Protein backbone atom coordinates (compact mmCIF):
# COMPACT_ATOMS: atom_id res chain seq x y z
CA MET A 1 115.40 180.66 126.88
CA TYR A 2 118.51 178.94 125.50
CA PHE A 3 116.44 177.04 122.93
CA SER A 4 114.79 180.19 121.61
CA LEU A 5 118.14 181.97 121.35
CA ALA A 6 119.65 179.01 119.51
CA MET A 7 116.63 178.85 117.20
CA LYS A 8 116.90 182.58 116.48
CA ARG A 9 120.58 182.22 115.60
CA PHE A 10 119.77 179.23 113.43
CA LEU A 11 117.06 181.12 111.54
CA ASN A 12 119.29 184.20 111.22
CA GLY A 13 121.75 181.99 109.37
CA PHE A 14 119.15 181.54 106.63
CA VAL A 15 118.57 185.30 106.48
CA TYR A 16 122.33 185.92 106.12
CA ALA A 17 122.60 183.25 103.42
CA PHE A 18 119.65 184.73 101.53
CA ASN A 19 121.26 188.18 101.79
CA GLY A 20 124.40 186.71 100.23
CA LEU A 21 122.39 185.26 97.36
CA VAL A 22 120.60 188.55 96.76
CA TYR A 23 123.85 190.53 96.92
CA THR A 24 125.56 188.21 94.48
CA PHE A 25 122.61 188.21 92.08
CA ARG A 26 122.38 192.01 92.14
CA THR A 27 126.10 192.70 91.73
CA GLN A 28 127.57 189.86 89.67
CA LEU A 29 126.69 189.62 86.00
CA ASN A 30 128.13 186.10 85.70
CA PHE A 31 125.93 184.87 88.55
CA LYS A 32 122.88 186.27 86.76
CA ILE A 33 123.94 184.54 83.55
CA HIS A 34 124.42 181.25 85.41
CA CYS A 35 120.99 181.58 87.05
CA ILE A 36 119.29 182.31 83.73
CA SER A 37 121.15 179.39 82.15
CA ALA A 38 120.01 177.14 85.01
CA VAL A 39 116.37 178.12 84.47
CA LEU A 40 116.68 177.47 80.72
CA VAL A 41 118.29 174.06 81.33
CA VAL A 42 115.54 173.11 83.78
CA LEU A 43 112.88 174.12 81.24
CA LEU A 44 114.69 172.14 78.54
CA GLY A 45 114.88 169.18 80.93
CA LEU A 46 111.16 169.33 81.54
CA TYR A 47 110.55 169.42 77.79
CA ALA A 48 112.93 166.50 77.20
CA LYS A 49 111.41 164.47 80.05
CA LEU A 50 114.70 163.69 81.74
CA THR A 51 115.06 160.56 83.85
CA CYS A 52 115.73 160.76 87.58
CA ALA A 53 119.41 160.00 87.04
CA GLU A 54 119.68 162.71 84.37
CA TRP A 55 118.02 165.24 86.70
CA LEU A 56 120.55 164.37 89.39
CA TRP A 57 123.44 165.08 87.03
CA ILE A 58 121.85 168.34 85.87
CA ALA A 59 121.12 169.43 89.45
CA LEU A 60 124.69 168.62 90.48
CA ALA A 61 126.11 170.59 87.56
CA ILE A 62 123.90 173.61 88.24
CA ALA A 63 124.63 173.57 91.96
CA MET A 64 128.36 173.19 91.40
CA VAL A 65 128.54 176.23 89.12
CA LEU A 66 126.38 178.40 91.38
CA ILE A 67 128.27 177.37 94.52
CA LEU A 68 131.63 178.12 92.94
CA GLU A 69 130.37 181.45 91.64
CA LEU A 70 129.28 182.36 95.19
CA ILE A 71 132.67 181.31 96.58
CA ASN A 72 134.41 183.26 93.81
CA THR A 73 132.42 186.36 94.75
CA ALA A 74 133.30 185.94 98.42
CA ILE A 75 136.99 185.57 97.55
CA GLU A 76 136.88 188.70 95.38
CA ILE A 77 135.26 190.69 98.20
CA LEU A 78 137.82 189.41 100.70
CA VAL A 79 140.77 190.18 98.42
CA ASP A 80 139.43 193.69 97.81
CA LEU A 81 139.08 194.15 101.58
CA VAL A 82 142.59 193.02 102.52
CA SER A 83 144.33 194.41 99.44
CA PRO A 84 142.60 197.60 98.28
CA GLN A 85 145.63 198.57 96.17
CA LYS A 86 146.21 196.63 92.98
CA GLN A 87 148.75 193.86 93.59
CA ALA A 88 149.85 191.04 91.31
CA LYS A 89 149.24 188.28 93.86
CA ALA A 90 145.79 189.65 94.72
CA GLY A 91 144.95 189.54 91.03
CA LEU A 92 146.21 185.96 90.80
CA ILE A 93 143.98 184.93 93.70
CA LYS A 94 140.98 186.35 91.88
CA ASP A 95 142.05 184.71 88.62
CA VAL A 96 142.41 181.28 90.21
CA ALA A 97 139.00 181.57 91.89
CA ALA A 98 137.46 182.59 88.56
CA ALA A 99 139.22 179.66 86.88
CA ALA A 100 137.47 177.28 89.30
CA VAL A 101 134.13 178.63 88.10
CA LEU A 102 135.24 178.29 84.48
CA VAL A 103 136.24 174.63 84.95
CA ALA A 104 132.90 173.92 86.63
CA ALA A 105 131.02 175.68 83.82
CA PHE A 106 132.84 173.59 81.20
CA LEU A 107 132.03 170.42 83.12
CA ALA A 108 128.38 171.51 83.40
CA LEU A 109 128.32 172.13 79.66
CA ALA A 110 129.77 168.67 79.00
CA ILE A 111 127.16 167.07 81.27
CA ALA A 112 124.39 168.98 79.49
CA LEU A 113 125.69 167.93 76.08
CA PHE A 114 125.93 164.26 77.10
CA ILE A 115 122.35 164.35 78.37
CA PHE A 116 120.58 166.56 75.83
CA VAL A 117 122.28 165.87 72.49
CA PRO A 118 121.08 162.22 72.28
CA LYS A 119 117.55 163.33 73.12
CA PHE A 120 117.37 165.68 70.15
CA ILE A 121 119.26 163.65 67.55
């Protein structure tokens, strides 16, 4: 009995996580753009025949941007929940979370340039 309850809770965690992905994809334009960019980079990587090490860097960059975009979305939802009225500090919280995504996106772009530019020059 305990095992089946624990297994059900464990599996429900995946359902909740998937719901979070779907919600974010449906409601956040930037997340959609990052997902489309990730697909394009993967296709370009297949075309360029990346090495295992290059794939690891690309996967890390993609995951980092998507993870931070998910966290940014969660922070925005939480700030809107606890501070429905517009407040300067609430706006700053959102700005800082968005800045984390921006830094990750720039790093991902740098990684992509380091990997792909030599392959096409």
